[in-house]
Every structure is written in structure tokens, then in C-alpha cells.
């Protein structure tokens, strides 16, 4: 039996969500109409919102990764 997994959510920022993110400490990082995703990276505190074009979607883990972190993970020996 195949289990369907939903791809993590992308979000197109409207004024309400932009103001909400600004109040959460993301002030100045995003503009109205930007597409953001929650992604894992080399920062503390778990996933955070980043611009979609700065993220890579990995199908095997069903997760968005910050691009530099993803490239560094690929270079690690297995």
C-alpha cells in the first residue's frame, strides 16, 4: 500500500501574514507577494521561514532545507 505524503506548505505572503511574520522577528526579510517555506538549516531552534528560492526540497525526507545547508549535507561521507 502506498502512503501519500503531502509536500510541505508554500505560502504566498499577503499583508496579514507579512505583518504576522514581522512581529515574530522576521522584519525586513520578506516583501508582500514573496513565496516562503518553513525550512531546516544550520540555525538553532528548528525550522524557520525562508524565501522559497533560498530552499531546496528533498523528496526522501519530505523537507525543505536551506540551500547552503543542503549542499553541505550532500558533501558529507555516508
C-alpha atoms as a PDB file:
ATOM      1  CA  UNK A   1       0.000   0.000   0.000  1.00  0.00           C
ATOM      2  CA  UNK A   2       1.369   3.409  -0.968  1.00  0.00           C
ATOM      3  CA  UNK A   3       1.095   6.145   1.611  1.00  0.00           C
ATOM      4  CA  UNK A   4       0.762   9.613   0.141  1.00  0.00           C
ATOM      5  CA  UNK A   5       2.739  12.284   1.918  1.00  0.00           C
ATOM      6  CA  UNK A   6       1.847  15.903   1.408  1.00  0.00           C
ATOM      7  CA  UNK A   7       4.588  18.241   0.328  1.00  0.00           C
ATOM      8  CA  UNK A   8       5.353  20.900   2.955  1.00  0.00           C
ATOM      9  CA  UNK A   9       3.331  24.046   2.543  1.00  0.00           C
ATOM     10  CA  UNK A  10       4.439  27.030   0.483  1.00  0.00           C
ATOM     11  CA  UNK A  11       2.992  30.363   1.470  1.00  0.00           C
ATOM     12  CA  UNK A  12       2.409  33.444  -0.686  1.00  0.00           C
ATOM     13  CA  UNK A  13       2.681  36.392   1.676  1.00  0.00           C
ATOM     14  CA  UNK A  14      -0.326  38.652   1.915  1.00  0.00           C
ATOM     15  CA  UNK A  15      -0.380  41.752   4.102  1.00  0.00           C
ATOM     16  CA  UNK A  16      -1.783  39.928   7.149  1.00  0.00           C
ATOM     17  CA  UNK A  17       0.837  37.141   7.075  1.00  0.00           C
ATOM     18  CA  UNK A  18       3.639  39.624   6.345  1.00  0.00           C
ATOM     19  CA  UNK A  19       2.664  41.677   9.398  1.00  0.00           C
ATOM     20  CA  UNK A  20       2.471  38.493  11.492  1.00  0.00           C
ATOM     21  CA  UNK A  21       5.977  37.421  10.429  1.00  0.00           C
ATOM     22  CA  UNK A  22       7.310  40.935  11.066  1.00  0.00           C
ATOM     23  CA  UNK A  23       6.006  40.736  14.627  1.00  0.00           C
ATOM     24  CA  UNK A  24       7.723  37.348  15.047  1.00  0.00           C
ATOM     25  CA  UNK A  25      11.180  38.823  14.348  1.00  0.00           C
ATOM     26  CA  UNK A  26      11.332  38.482  10.567  1.00  0.00           C
ATOM     27  CA  UNK A  27      11.060  42.259   9.978  1.00  0.00           C
ATOM     28  CA  UNK A  28      12.733  43.332   6.746  1.00  0.00           C
ATOM     29  CA  UNK A  29      13.354  39.798   5.459  1.00  0.00           C
ATOM     30  CA  UNK A  30      10.274  39.464   3.247  1.00  0.00           C
ATOM     31  CA  UNK A  31       8.143  41.584   0.927  1.00  0.00           C
ATOM     32  CA  UNK A  32       4.479  41.451   0.043  1.00  0.00           C
ATOM     33  CA  UNK A  33       3.941  38.700  -2.548  1.00  0.00           C
ATOM     34  CA  UNK A  34       7.060  36.656  -1.673  1.00  0.00           C
ATOM     35  CA  UNK A  35       6.739  32.875  -1.526  1.00  0.00           C
ATOM     36  CA  UNK A  36       8.127  31.423   1.714  1.00  0.00           C
ATOM     37  CA  UNK A  37       8.540  27.919   3.118  1.00  0.00           C
ATOM     38  CA  UNK A  38       9.499  26.523   6.501  1.00  0.00           C
ATOM     39  CA  UNK A  39      12.957  25.038   6.120  1.00  0.00           C
ATOM     40  CA  UNK A  40      15.586  23.340   8.232  1.00  0.00           C
ATOM     41  CA  UNK A  41      19.099  24.734   8.320  1.00  0.00           C
ATOM     42  CA  UNK A  42      22.231  25.215  10.390  1.00  0.00           C
ATOM     43  CA  UNK A  43      20.498  27.536  12.877  1.00  0.00           C
ATOM     44  CA  UNK A  44      19.187  26.749  16.349  1.00  0.00           C
ATOM     45  CA  UNK A  45      15.533  26.405  17.230  1.00  0.00           C
ATOM     46  CA  UNK A  46      14.227  24.165  14.457  1.00  0.00           C
ATOM     47  CA  UNK A  47      12.671  25.105  11.105  1.00  0.00           C
ATOM     48  CA  UNK A  48      12.131  28.742  10.230  1.00  0.00           C
ATOM     49  CA  UNK A  49      10.593  30.719   7.386  1.00  0.00           C
ATOM     50  CA  UNK A  50      12.849  31.477   4.410  1.00  0.00           C
ATOM     51  CA  UNK A  51      12.278  32.533   0.806  1.00  0.00           C
ATOM     52  CA  UNK A  52      11.402  29.600  -1.445  1.00  0.00           C
ATOM     53  CA  UNK A  53      14.261  30.332  -3.890  1.00  0.00           C
ATOM     54  CA  UNK A  54      16.732  30.001  -0.978  1.00  0.00           C
ATOM     55  CA  UNK A  55      15.449  26.494  -0.177  1.00  0.00           C
ATOM     56  CA  UNK A  56      15.791  23.020  -1.687  1.00  0.00           C
ATOM     57  CA  UNK A  57      13.011  20.441  -1.406  1.00  0.00           C
ATOM     58  CA  UNK A  58      14.277  16.936  -0.568  1.00  0.00           C
ATOM     59  CA  UNK A  59      11.754  14.255  -1.539  1.00  0.00           C
ATOM     60  CA  UNK A  60      13.270  11.498   0.592  1.00  0.00           C
ATOM     61  CA  UNK A  61      12.758  13.436   3.820  1.00  0.00           C
ATOM     62  CA  UNK A  62       9.752  15.488   2.612  1.00  0.00           C
ATOM     63  CA  UNK A  63      11.529  18.577   3.935  1.00  0.00           C
ATOM     64  CA  UNK A  64      12.731  21.940   2.691  1.00  0.00           C
ATOM     65  CA  UNK A  65      16.379  22.677   3.524  1.00  0.00           C
ATOM     66  CA  UNK A  66      18.222  25.963   3.401  1.00  0.00           C
ATOM     67  CA  UNK A  67      20.289  25.753   0.189  1.00  0.00           C
ATOM     68  CA  UNK A  68      23.792  26.079   1.752  1.00  0.00           C
ATOM     69  CA  UNK A  69      22.965  23.560   4.469  1.00  0.00           C
ATOM     70  CA  UNK A  70      21.599  21.112   1.887  1.00  0.00           C
ATOM     71  CA  UNK A  71      24.741  21.360  -0.247  1.00  0.00           C
ATOM     72  CA  UNK A  72      26.946  20.829   2.827  1.00  0.00           C
ATOM     73  CA  UNK A  73      24.915  17.740   3.825  1.00  0.00           C
ATOM     74  CA  UNK A  74      25.384  16.253   0.334  1.00  0.00           C
ATOM     75  CA  UNK A  75      29.192  16.548   0.667  1.00  0.00           C
ATOM     76  CA  UNK A  76      29.295  14.520   3.888  1.00  0.00           C
ATOM     77  CA  UNK A  77      30.544  10.926   3.540  1.00  0.00           C
ATOM     78  CA  UNK A  78      27.891   8.303   4.120  1.00  0.00           C
END
